[in-house]
All heavy atoms as atom14 arrays in JSON, in Angstrom:
{
  "sequence": "VAHITSSGSTNYADSVKGRFTISRDDAKNTVYLQ",
  "atom14_mask": [
    [1, 1, 1, 1, 1, 1, 1, 0, 0, 0, 0, 0, 0, 0],
    [1, 1, 1, 1, 1, 0, 0, 0, 0, 0, 0, 0, 0, 0],
    [1, 1, 1, 1, 1, 1, 1, 1, 1, 1, 0, 0, 0, 0],
    [1, 1, 1, 1, 1, 1, 1, 1, 0, 0, 0, 0, 0, 0],
    [1, 1, 1, 1, 1, 1, 1, 0, 0, 0, 0, 0, 0, 0],
    [1, 1, 1, 1, 1, 1, 0, 0, 0, 0, 0, 0, 0, 0],
    [1, 1, 1, 1, 1, 1, 0, 0, 0, 0, 0, 0, 0, 0],
    [1, 1, 1, 1, 0, 0, 0, 0, 0, 0, 0, 0, 0, 0],
    [1, 1, 1, 1, 1, 1, 0, 0, 0, 0, 0, 0, 0, 0],
    [1, 1, 1, 1, 1, 1, 1, 0, 0, 0, 0, 0, 0, 0],
    [1, 1, 1, 1, 1, 1, 1, 1, 0, 0, 0, 0, 0, 0],
    [1, 1, 1, 1, 1, 1, 1, 1, 1, 1, 1, 1, 0, 0],
    [1, 1, 1, 1, 1, 0, 0, 0, 0, 0, 0, 0, 0, 0],
    [1, 1, 1, 1, 1, 1, 1, 1, 0, 0, 0, 0, 0, 0],
    [1, 1, 1, 1, 1, 1, 0, 0, 0, 0, 0, 0, 0, 0],
    [1, 1, 1, 1, 1, 1, 1, 0, 0, 0, 0, 0, 0, 0],
    [1, 1, 1, 1, 1, 1, 1, 1, 1, 0, 0, 0, 0, 0],
    [1, 1, 1, 1, 0, 0, 0, 0, 0, 0, 0, 0, 0, 0],
    [1, 1, 1, 1, 1, 1, 1, 1, 1, 1, 1, 0, 0, 0],
    [1, 1, 1, 1, 1, 1, 1, 1, 1, 1, 1, 0, 0, 0],
    [1, 1, 1, 1, 1, 1, 1, 0, 0, 0, 0, 0, 0, 0],
    [1, 1, 1, 1, 1, 1, 1, 1, 0, 0, 0, 0, 0, 0],
    [1, 1, 1, 1, 1, 1, 0, 0, 0, 0, 0, 0, 0, 0],
    [1, 1, 1, 1, 1, 1, 1, 1, 1, 1, 1, 0, 0, 0],
    [1, 1, 1, 1, 1, 1, 1, 1, 0, 0, 0, 0, 0, 0],
    [1, 1, 1, 1, 1, 1, 1, 1, 0, 0, 0, 0, 0, 0],
    [1, 1, 1, 1, 1, 0, 0, 0, 0, 0, 0, 0, 0, 0],
    [1, 1, 1, 1, 1, 1, 1, 1, 1, 0, 0, 0, 0, 0],
    [1, 1, 1, 1, 1, 1, 1, 1, 0, 0, 0, 0, 0, 0],
    [1, 1, 1, 1, 1, 1, 1, 0, 0, 0, 0, 0, 0, 0],
    [1, 1, 1, 1, 1, 1, 1, 0, 0, 0, 0, 0, 0, 0],
    [1, 1, 1, 1, 1, 1, 1, 1, 1, 1, 1, 1, 0, 0],
    [1, 1, 1, 1, 1, 1, 1, 1, 0, 0, 0, 0, 0, 0],
    [1, 1, 1, 1, 1, 1, 1, 1, 1, 0, 0, 0, 0, 0]
  ],
  "atom14_positions": [
    [[87.68, 85.62, 36.97], [88.74, 84.63, 37.08], [88.41, 83.33, 36.36], [89.32, 82.6, 35.94], [89.11, 84.34, 38.55], [89.61, 85.61, 39.22], [87.94, 83.75, 39.32], [0.0, 0.0, 0.0], [0.0, 0.0, 0.0], [0.0, 0.0, 0.0], [0.0, 0.0, 0.0], [0.0, 0.0, 0.0], [0.0, 0.0, 0.0], [0.0, 0.0, 0.0]],
    [[87.13, 83.01, 36.22], [86.73, 81.79, 35.55], [85.26, 81.88, 35.19], [84.48, 82.53, 35.9], [86.96, 80.55, 36.43], [0.0, 0.0, 0.0], [0.0, 0.0, 0.0], [0.0, 0.0, 0.0], [0.0, 0.0, 0.0], [0.0, 0.0, 0.0], [0.0, 0.0, 0.0], [0.0, 0.0, 0.0], [0.0, 0.0, 0.0], [0.0, 0.0, 0.0]],
    [[84.87, 81.24, 34.11], [83.45, 81.13, 33.81], [83.15, 79.82, 33.11], [84.03, 79.2, 32.51], [82.92, 82.33, 33.01], [83.25, 82.34, 31.56], [84.36, 82.99, 31.04], [82.6, 81.81, 30.48], [84.38, 82.85, 29.73], [83.33, 82.14, 29.37], [0.0, 0.0, 0.0], [0.0, 0.0, 0.0], [0.0, 0.0, 0.0], [0.0, 0.0, 0.0]],
    [[81.9, 79.43, 33.21], [81.43, 78.21, 32.58], [80.12, 78.51, 31.88], [79.23, 79.15, 32.44], [81.29, 77.07, 33.61], [80.92, 75.75, 32.93], [80.31, 77.41, 34.73], [81.14, 74.54, 33.82], [0.0, 0.0, 0.0], [0.0, 0.0, 0.0], [0.0, 0.0, 0.0], [0.0, 0.0, 0.0], [0.0, 0.0, 0.0], [0.0, 0.0, 0.0]],
    [[79.99, 78.07, 30.65], [78.81, 78.36, 29.86], [77.71, 77.34, 30.14], [77.91, 76.34, 30.84], [79.13, 78.35, 28.37], [79.39, 77.0, 27.95], [80.33, 79.22, 28.06], [0.0, 0.0, 0.0], [0.0, 0.0, 0.0], [0.0, 0.0, 0.0], [0.0, 0.0, 0.0], [0.0, 0.0, 0.0], [0.0, 0.0, 0.0], [0.0, 0.0, 0.0]],
    [[76.54, 77.59, 29.57], [75.43, 76.68, 29.74], [75.71, 75.31, 29.13], [75.1, 74.32, 29.54], [74.15, 77.27, 29.13], [74.33, 77.54, 27.75], [0.0, 0.0, 0.0], [0.0, 0.0, 0.0], [0.0, 0.0, 0.0], [0.0, 0.0, 0.0], [0.0, 0.0, 0.0], [0.0, 0.0, 0.0], [0.0, 0.0, 0.0], [0.0, 0.0, 0.0]],
    [[76.62, 75.25, 28.17], [76.98, 73.99, 27.54], [78.18, 73.32, 28.2], [78.59, 72.25, 27.76], [77.26, 74.19, 26.06], [78.35, 75.06, 25.85], [0.0, 0.0, 0.0], [0.0, 0.0, 0.0], [0.0, 0.0, 0.0], [0.0, 0.0, 0.0], [0.0, 0.0, 0.0], [0.0, 0.0, 0.0], [0.0, 0.0, 0.0], [0.0, 0.0, 0.0]],
    [[78.76, 73.96, 29.21], [79.85, 73.35, 29.94], [81.24, 73.79, 29.53], [82.23, 73.29, 30.09], [0.0, 0.0, 0.0], [0.0, 0.0, 0.0], [0.0, 0.0, 0.0], [0.0, 0.0, 0.0], [0.0, 0.0, 0.0], [0.0, 0.0, 0.0], [0.0, 0.0, 0.0], [0.0, 0.0, 0.0], [0.0, 0.0, 0.0], [0.0, 0.0, 0.0]],
    [[81.35, 74.69, 28.58], [82.65, 75.21, 28.17], [83.22, 76.11, 29.27], [82.48, 76.89, 29.87], [82.53, 75.97, 26.86], [83.77, 76.48, 26.45], [0.0, 0.0, 0.0], [0.0, 0.0, 0.0], [0.0, 0.0, 0.0], [0.0, 0.0, 0.0], [0.0, 0.0, 0.0], [0.0, 0.0, 0.0], [0.0, 0.0, 0.0], [0.0, 0.0, 0.0]],
    [[84.52, 76.02, 29.52], [85.15, 76.78, 30.59], [86.26, 77.68, 30.06], [86.9, 77.38, 29.04], [85.74, 75.86, 31.66], [86.73, 75.0, 31.06], [84.65, 75.01, 32.29], [0.0, 0.0, 0.0], [0.0, 0.0, 0.0], [0.0, 0.0, 0.0], [0.0, 0.0, 0.0], [0.0, 0.0, 0.0], [0.0, 0.0, 0.0], [0.0, 0.0, 0.0]],
    [[86.5, 78.78, 30.77], [87.59, 79.69, 30.48], [88.14, 80.22, 31.78], [87.42, 80.35, 32.76], [87.13, 80.84, 29.58], [86.96, 80.44, 28.14], [87.94, 80.33, 27.41], [85.73, 80.2, 27.73], [0.0, 0.0, 0.0], [0.0, 0.0, 0.0], [0.0, 0.0, 0.0], [0.0, 0.0, 0.0], [0.0, 0.0, 0.0], [0.0, 0.0, 0.0]],
    [[89.44, 80.57, 31.77], [90.13, 81.01, 32.97], [91.01, 82.21, 32.68], [91.57, 82.34, 31.59], [91.01, 79.89, 33.53], [90.25, 78.65, 33.89], [90.08, 77.63, 32.96], [89.69, 78.49, 35.15], [89.36, 76.48, 33.28], [88.98, 77.35, 35.48], [88.82, 76.36, 34.54], [88.12, 75.23, 34.87], [0.0, 0.0, 0.0], [0.0, 0.0, 0.0]],
    [[91.14, 83.07, 33.68], [92.14, 84.11, 33.6], [93.54, 83.49, 33.64], [93.75, 82.45, 34.25], [91.98, 85.09, 34.77], [0.0, 0.0, 0.0], [0.0, 0.0, 0.0], [0.0, 0.0, 0.0], [0.0, 0.0, 0.0], [0.0, 0.0, 0.0], [0.0, 0.0, 0.0], [0.0, 0.0, 0.0], [0.0, 0.0, 0.0], [0.0, 0.0, 0.0]],
    [[94.48, 84.14, 32.97], [95.83, 83.61, 32.92], [96.42, 83.41, 34.32], [97.2, 82.47, 34.55], [96.74, 84.54, 32.12], [96.47, 84.48, 30.63], [95.83, 83.52, 30.17], [96.91, 85.41, 29.93], [0.0, 0.0, 0.0], [0.0, 0.0, 0.0], [0.0, 0.0, 0.0], [0.0, 0.0, 0.0], [0.0, 0.0, 0.0], [0.0, 0.0, 0.0]],
    [[96.04, 84.25, 35.26], [96.6, 84.19, 36.6], [96.21, 82.94, 37.37], [96.87, 82.61, 38.36], [96.19, 85.43, 37.39], [94.78, 85.53, 37.48], [0.0, 0.0, 0.0], [0.0, 0.0, 0.0], [0.0, 0.0, 0.0], [0.0, 0.0, 0.0], [0.0, 0.0, 0.0], [0.0, 0.0, 0.0], [0.0, 0.0, 0.0], [0.0, 0.0, 0.0]],
    [[95.16, 82.25, 36.94], [94.69, 81.07, 37.67], [94.73, 79.8, 36.85], [94.42, 78.72, 37.39], [93.27, 81.28, 38.24], [93.21, 82.56, 39.07], [92.23, 81.3, 37.12], [0.0, 0.0, 0.0], [0.0, 0.0, 0.0], [0.0, 0.0, 0.0], [0.0, 0.0, 0.0], [0.0, 0.0, 0.0], [0.0, 0.0, 0.0], [0.0, 0.0, 0.0]],
    [[95.1, 79.87, 35.59], [95.14, 78.68, 34.75], [96.07, 77.63, 35.35], [97.17, 77.93, 35.79], [95.61, 79.03, 33.34], [94.54, 79.66, 32.48], [95.07, 79.94, 31.07], [93.99, 80.54, 30.19], [94.49, 80.86, 28.84], [0.0, 0.0, 0.0], [0.0, 0.0, 0.0], [0.0, 0.0, 0.0], [0.0, 0.0, 0.0], [0.0, 0.0, 0.0]],
    [[95.59, 76.4, 35.35], [96.36, 75.3, 35.9], [96.2, 75.12, 37.39], [96.65, 74.1, 37.94], [0.0, 0.0, 0.0], [0.0, 0.0, 0.0], [0.0, 0.0, 0.0], [0.0, 0.0, 0.0], [0.0, 0.0, 0.0], [0.0, 0.0, 0.0], [0.0, 0.0, 0.0], [0.0, 0.0, 0.0], [0.0, 0.0, 0.0], [0.0, 0.0, 0.0]],
    [[95.57, 76.08, 38.06], [95.39, 76.0, 39.51], [93.92, 75.94, 39.91], [93.58, 75.3, 40.91], [96.05, 77.2, 40.19], [97.55, 77.3, 39.95], [98.19, 78.39, 40.81], [97.66, 79.72, 40.5], [97.01, 80.49, 41.37], [96.82, 80.07, 42.62], [96.58, 81.69, 41.01], [0.0, 0.0, 0.0], [0.0, 0.0, 0.0], [0.0, 0.0, 0.0]],
    [[93.06, 76.62, 39.17], [91.63, 76.69, 39.5], [90.84, 75.88, 38.48], [91.19, 75.83, 37.3], [91.12, 78.13, 39.46], [91.62, 79.02, 40.56], [92.65, 78.65, 41.41], [91.04, 80.26, 40.73], [93.1, 79.49, 42.42], [91.48, 81.12, 41.73], [92.51, 80.73, 42.58], [0.0, 0.0, 0.0], [0.0, 0.0, 0.0], [0.0, 0.0, 0.0]],
    [[89.74, 75.29, 38.94], [88.83, 74.55, 38.07], [87.4, 74.94, 38.4], [86.98, 74.85, 39.55], [89.0, 73.04, 38.23], [90.35, 72.66, 37.95], [88.07, 72.3, 37.26], [0.0, 0.0, 0.0], [0.0, 0.0, 0.0], [0.0, 0.0, 0.0], [0.0, 0.0, 0.0], [0.0, 0.0, 0.0], [0.0, 0.0, 0.0], [0.0, 0.0, 0.0]],
    [[86.66, 75.37, 37.39], [85.25, 75.68, 37.55], [84.42, 74.52, 37.03], [84.76, 73.91, 36.01], [84.89, 77.0, 36.84], [83.46, 77.44, 37.19], [85.1, 76.92, 35.34], [83.12, 78.85, 36.71], [0.0, 0.0, 0.0], [0.0, 0.0, 0.0], [0.0, 0.0, 0.0], [0.0, 0.0, 0.0], [0.0, 0.0, 0.0], [0.0, 0.0, 0.0]],
    [[83.35, 74.21, 37.72], [82.45, 73.14, 37.3], [81.04, 73.49, 37.72], [80.83, 74.41, 38.52], [82.88, 71.79, 37.88], [82.84, 71.82, 39.3], [0.0, 0.0, 0.0], [0.0, 0.0, 0.0], [0.0, 0.0, 0.0], [0.0, 0.0, 0.0], [0.0, 0.0, 0.0], [0.0, 0.0, 0.0], [0.0, 0.0, 0.0], [0.0, 0.0, 0.0]],
    [[80.08, 72.78, 37.18], [78.69, 73.03, 37.54], [77.93, 71.73, 37.68], [78.21, 70.74, 37.0], [78.01, 73.96, 36.52], [77.83, 73.37, 35.13], [77.41, 74.45, 34.12], [76.12, 75.04, 34.47], [75.68, 76.2, 34.0], [76.44, 76.92, 33.17], [74.48, 76.66, 34.36], [0.0, 0.0, 0.0], [0.0, 0.0, 0.0], [0.0, 0.0, 0.0]],
    [[76.96, 71.75, 38.58], [76.05, 70.64, 38.79], [74.65, 71.22, 38.68], [74.12, 71.77, 39.64], [76.29, 69.99, 40.15], [75.45, 68.75, 40.35], [74.44, 68.57, 39.64], [75.8, 67.94, 41.23], [0.0, 0.0, 0.0], [0.0, 0.0, 0.0], [0.0, 0.0, 0.0], [0.0, 0.0, 0.0], [0.0, 0.0, 0.0], [0.0, 0.0, 0.0]],
    [[74.07, 71.1, 37.49], [72.77, 71.73, 37.26], [71.66, 71.1, 38.09], [70.71, 71.78, 38.46], [72.42, 71.65, 35.77], [73.31, 72.54, 34.92], [73.91, 73.49, 35.45], [73.41, 72.27, 33.7], [0.0, 0.0, 0.0], [0.0, 0.0, 0.0], [0.0, 0.0, 0.0], [0.0, 0.0, 0.0], [0.0, 0.0, 0.0], [0.0, 0.0, 0.0]],
    [[71.78, 69.81, 38.4], [70.78, 69.16, 39.23], [70.73, 69.76, 40.63], [69.69, 69.72, 41.29], [71.05, 67.66, 39.31], [0.0, 0.0, 0.0], [0.0, 0.0, 0.0], [0.0, 0.0, 0.0], [0.0, 0.0, 0.0], [0.0, 0.0, 0.0], [0.0, 0.0, 0.0], [0.0, 0.0, 0.0], [0.0, 0.0, 0.0], [0.0, 0.0, 0.0]],
    [[71.86, 70.3, 41.1], [71.93, 70.93, 42.41], [71.9, 72.44, 42.35], [72.02, 73.11, 43.38], [73.19, 70.48, 43.15], [73.26, 68.99, 43.44], [74.54, 68.64, 44.17], [74.59, 67.15, 44.48], [75.86, 66.78, 45.16], [0.0, 0.0, 0.0], [0.0, 0.0, 0.0], [0.0, 0.0, 0.0], [0.0, 0.0, 0.0], [0.0, 0.0, 0.0]],
    [[71.77, 73.0, 41.15], [71.79, 74.45, 40.96], [73.03, 75.08, 41.6], [72.95, 76.11, 42.28], [70.53, 75.1, 41.53], [69.36, 75.05, 40.57], [69.41, 74.41, 39.52], [68.27, 75.72, 40.93], [0.0, 0.0, 0.0], [0.0, 0.0, 0.0], [0.0, 0.0, 0.0], [0.0, 0.0, 0.0], [0.0, 0.0, 0.0], [0.0, 0.0, 0.0]],
    [[74.18, 74.47, 41.37], [75.4, 74.89, 42.04], [76.57, 74.92, 41.06], [76.71, 74.02, 40.22], [75.74, 73.97, 43.21], [74.64, 73.96, 44.13], [76.99, 74.44, 43.94], [0.0, 0.0, 0.0], [0.0, 0.0, 0.0], [0.0, 0.0, 0.0], [0.0, 0.0, 0.0], [0.0, 0.0, 0.0], [0.0, 0.0, 0.0], [0.0, 0.0, 0.0]],
    [[77.39, 75.96, 41.17], [78.66, 76.06, 40.47], [79.77, 76.07, 41.5], [79.64, 76.67, 42.57], [78.71, 77.33, 39.59], [80.12, 77.56, 39.06], [77.74, 77.2, 38.42], [0.0, 0.0, 0.0], [0.0, 0.0, 0.0], [0.0, 0.0, 0.0], [0.0, 0.0, 0.0], [0.0, 0.0, 0.0], [0.0, 0.0, 0.0], [0.0, 0.0, 0.0]],
    [[80.87, 75.4, 41.18], [82.0, 75.27, 42.1], [83.24, 75.92, 41.51], [83.41, 76.01, 40.29], [82.31, 73.81, 42.38], [81.14, 73.03, 42.92], [80.34, 72.27, 42.08], [80.85, 73.06, 44.28], [79.26, 71.56, 42.58], [79.77, 72.35, 44.79], [78.98, 71.6, 43.94], [77.92, 70.9, 44.44], [0.0, 0.0, 0.0], [0.0, 0.0, 0.0]],
    [[84.12, 76.36, 42.39], [85.45, 76.8, 42.0], [86.45, 76.1, 42.9], [86.56, 76.44, 44.09], [85.6, 78.32, 42.11], [86.92, 78.87, 41.58], [87.02, 78.69, 40.06], [87.08, 80.35, 41.95], [0.0, 0.0, 0.0], [0.0, 0.0, 0.0], [0.0, 0.0, 0.0], [0.0, 0.0, 0.0], [0.0, 0.0, 0.0], [0.0, 0.0, 0.0]],
    [[87.13, 75.11, 42.35], [88.18, 74.42, 43.07], [89.47, 75.2, 42.9], [89.93, 75.41, 41.78], [88.35, 72.99, 42.55], [89.47, 72.2, 43.22], [89.18, 71.9, 44.67], [88.09, 71.46, 45.0], [90.15, 72.16, 45.53], [0.0, 0.0, 0.0], [0.0, 0.0, 0.0], [0.0, 0.0, 0.0], [0.0, 0.0, 0.0], [0.0, 0.0, 0.0]]
  ]
}
């Protein structure tokens, strides 16, 4: 449904575009899906 690269680039499935947001916090070793 979504992915984020090591450089911060993001991509989304068409079904969730505009509704979901993926992000990462490398200092916390955590990826989020809003």
